[in-house]
Structure formats: structure tokens, C-alpha cells
Amino acid sequence: MWYYAWRCMYGLHKEIQLYFLVVGHTKFSPDWCFGLFKQHYHRSHVSALRDIEEVCRSSTIRVINIPHLVGTEEGDVIVPLKKVNICMNNGQCSKDLWNFIW
């Protein structure tokens, strides 16, 4: 807080606003699932994409973490990605086309 006061005293800022999360509401549910994956990953031997897929799938008992590969190690594309600049029209992209791309 002193640092922020110092920045205001020396005219580097007119004001500084700080926001804090409400106590007890600092975690997001995907963080919990990612934490389970990370714990399982650290205890596993991984040397390929399929290994990561299996680690993710087996990181929870009820298969909450569901992996979706977008490609293979051989270079096969499972989920094709589109180039965003194809849909650009004077810097704008229609909502329907944007939803299709993403």
C-alpha cells in the first residue's frame, strides 16, 4: 500500500483502485479439476500425447476431466482450425461466421 501511496504522491497516478475477491469465493471450479490433473500428472510417466490424454482421463474417479485432442503426433488434424483473417471484412466479422470459426 505504501508503494501505491508513493506513486500517487509523486504524481505517477491520480488514484489507484484495488479490488479483492470476497473471502470464500476465490476459487473457480475448473481450478480444482486442473489441480487434480496436475497432481496425477506429477505422479505419472508421460512421453506422448496419448499418455497426457490418459493421465487427464484417469485423474478423477468419475471422469470429470475429459481430454479432447486436436491433433496427433503424426500430424493428423482432428479438429480443423480456421484462419480468422478469412472472415474479416473491413475489420469486422459476422457473428454467425465468428461462432463457426471458434
Protein backbone atom coordinates (compact mmCIF):
# COMPACT_ATOMS: atom_id res chain seq x y z
CA MET A 1 0.00 0.00 0.00
CA TRP A 2 2.89 2.34 0.73
CA TYR A 3 4.21 1.81 -2.78
CA TYR A 4 0.87 2.86 -4.25
CA ALA A 5 0.77 5.91 -1.96
CA TRP A 6 4.29 6.82 -3.10
CA ARG A 7 3.26 6.59 -6.77
CA CYS A 8 0.32 8.94 -6.10
CA MET A 9 2.49 11.39 -4.07
CA TYR A 10 4.96 11.71 -6.95
CA GLY A 11 2.22 12.26 -9.50
CA LEU A 12 2.67 8.96 -11.32
CA HIS A 13 -1.06 8.26 -10.76
CA LYS A 14 -4.02 10.36 -9.65
CA GLU A 15 -5.64 7.38 -7.96
CA ILE A 16 -5.19 3.63 -7.70
CA GLN A 17 -8.10 1.25 -7.27
CA LEU A 18 -7.64 -2.20 -5.74
CA TYR A 19 -10.21 -4.97 -5.95
CA PHE A 20 -10.25 -8.07 -3.78
CA LEU A 21 -12.32 -11.22 -4.10
CA VAL A 22 -14.85 -11.94 -1.36
CA VAL A 23 -13.48 -14.40 1.21
CA GLY A 24 -14.55 -17.94 0.31
CA HIS A 25 -15.14 -17.07 -3.33
CA THR A 26 -11.56 -17.10 -4.55
CA LYS A 27 -11.59 -20.42 -6.38
CA PHE A 28 -13.14 -21.36 -9.69
CA SER A 29 -14.31 -24.97 -10.14
CA PRO A 30 -12.07 -25.66 -13.16
CA ASP A 31 -9.09 -24.77 -10.93
CA TRP A 32 -9.99 -27.74 -8.71
CA CYS A 33 -10.18 -30.08 -11.70
CA PHE A 34 -6.91 -28.77 -13.10
CA GLY A 35 -5.32 -29.29 -9.66
CA LEU A 36 -6.37 -32.95 -9.73
CA PHE A 37 -4.90 -33.34 -13.21
CA LYS A 38 -1.66 -31.66 -12.13
CA GLN A 39 -1.28 -33.94 -9.09
CA HIS A 40 -1.86 -37.06 -11.19
CA TYR A 41 0.48 -35.78 -13.92
CA HIS A 42 3.34 -35.33 -11.43
CA ARG A 43 2.98 -38.98 -10.36
CA SER A 44 2.81 -40.35 -13.91
CA HIS A 45 5.26 -41.17 -16.69
CA VAL A 46 4.35 -39.14 -19.77
CA SER A 47 6.18 -39.35 -23.06
CA ALA A 48 3.44 -38.82 -25.67
CA LEU A 49 0.16 -37.02 -26.30
CA ARG A 50 -1.77 -40.24 -25.71
CA ASP A 51 -0.08 -40.50 -22.28
CA ILE A 52 -1.28 -37.00 -21.39
CA GLU A 53 -4.75 -37.92 -22.60
CA GLU A 54 -4.78 -40.98 -20.33
CA VAL A 55 -3.42 -39.03 -17.35
CA CYS A 56 -6.19 -36.47 -17.81
CA ARG A 57 -8.89 -39.13 -18.14
CA SER A 58 -7.70 -41.06 -15.07
CA SER A 59 -7.08 -38.01 -12.87
CA THR A 60 -10.62 -38.19 -11.42
CA ILE A 61 -12.67 -41.18 -10.32
CA ARG A 62 -15.86 -40.09 -12.10
CA VAL A 63 -14.07 -38.85 -15.25
CA ILE A 64 -14.72 -35.17 -14.67
CA ASN A 65 -11.61 -34.25 -16.66
CA ILE A 66 -12.31 -35.25 -20.25
CA PRO A 67 -9.43 -34.72 -22.69
CA HIS A 68 -10.02 -33.68 -26.30
CA LEU A 69 -7.01 -33.91 -28.58
CA VAL A 70 -6.97 -31.52 -31.54
CA GLY A 71 -4.21 -33.40 -33.36
CA THR A 72 -1.94 -36.41 -33.28
CA GLU A 73 1.80 -36.80 -33.02
CA GLU A 74 1.83 -37.97 -36.62
CA GLY A 75 0.47 -34.59 -37.71
CA ASP A 76 -3.13 -35.64 -38.35
CA VAL A 77 -5.64 -32.86 -37.58
CA ILE A 78 -8.66 -33.97 -35.58
CA VAL A 79 -10.22 -30.51 -35.10
CA PRO A 80 -9.58 -28.25 -38.09
CA LEU A 81 -8.76 -24.64 -37.22
CA LYS A 82 -9.83 -21.79 -39.46
CA LYS A 83 -7.87 -18.64 -40.19
CA VAL A 84 -9.60 -15.64 -38.65
CA ASN A 85 -8.42 -13.26 -41.35
CA ILE A 86 -10.51 -15.20 -43.91
CA CYS A 87 -13.73 -13.89 -42.37
CA MET A 88 -12.56 -10.32 -41.91
CA ASN A 89 -14.50 -7.72 -43.86
CA ASN A 90 -13.27 -4.18 -43.22
CA GLY A 91 -12.09 -5.22 -39.75
CA GLN A 92 -15.44 -6.81 -38.88
CA CYS A 93 -16.52 -10.43 -38.70
CA SER A 94 -20.15 -11.51 -38.84
CA LYS A 95 -21.42 -13.13 -35.64
CA ASP A 96 -22.51 -16.33 -37.42
CA LEU A 97 -19.13 -16.78 -39.08
CA TRP A 98 -17.28 -15.95 -35.84
CA ASN A 99 -19.26 -18.65 -33.98
CA PHE A 100 -18.45 -21.15 -36.75
CA ILE A 101 -14.73 -20.42 -36.56
CA TRP A 102 -14.45 -20.58 -32.77
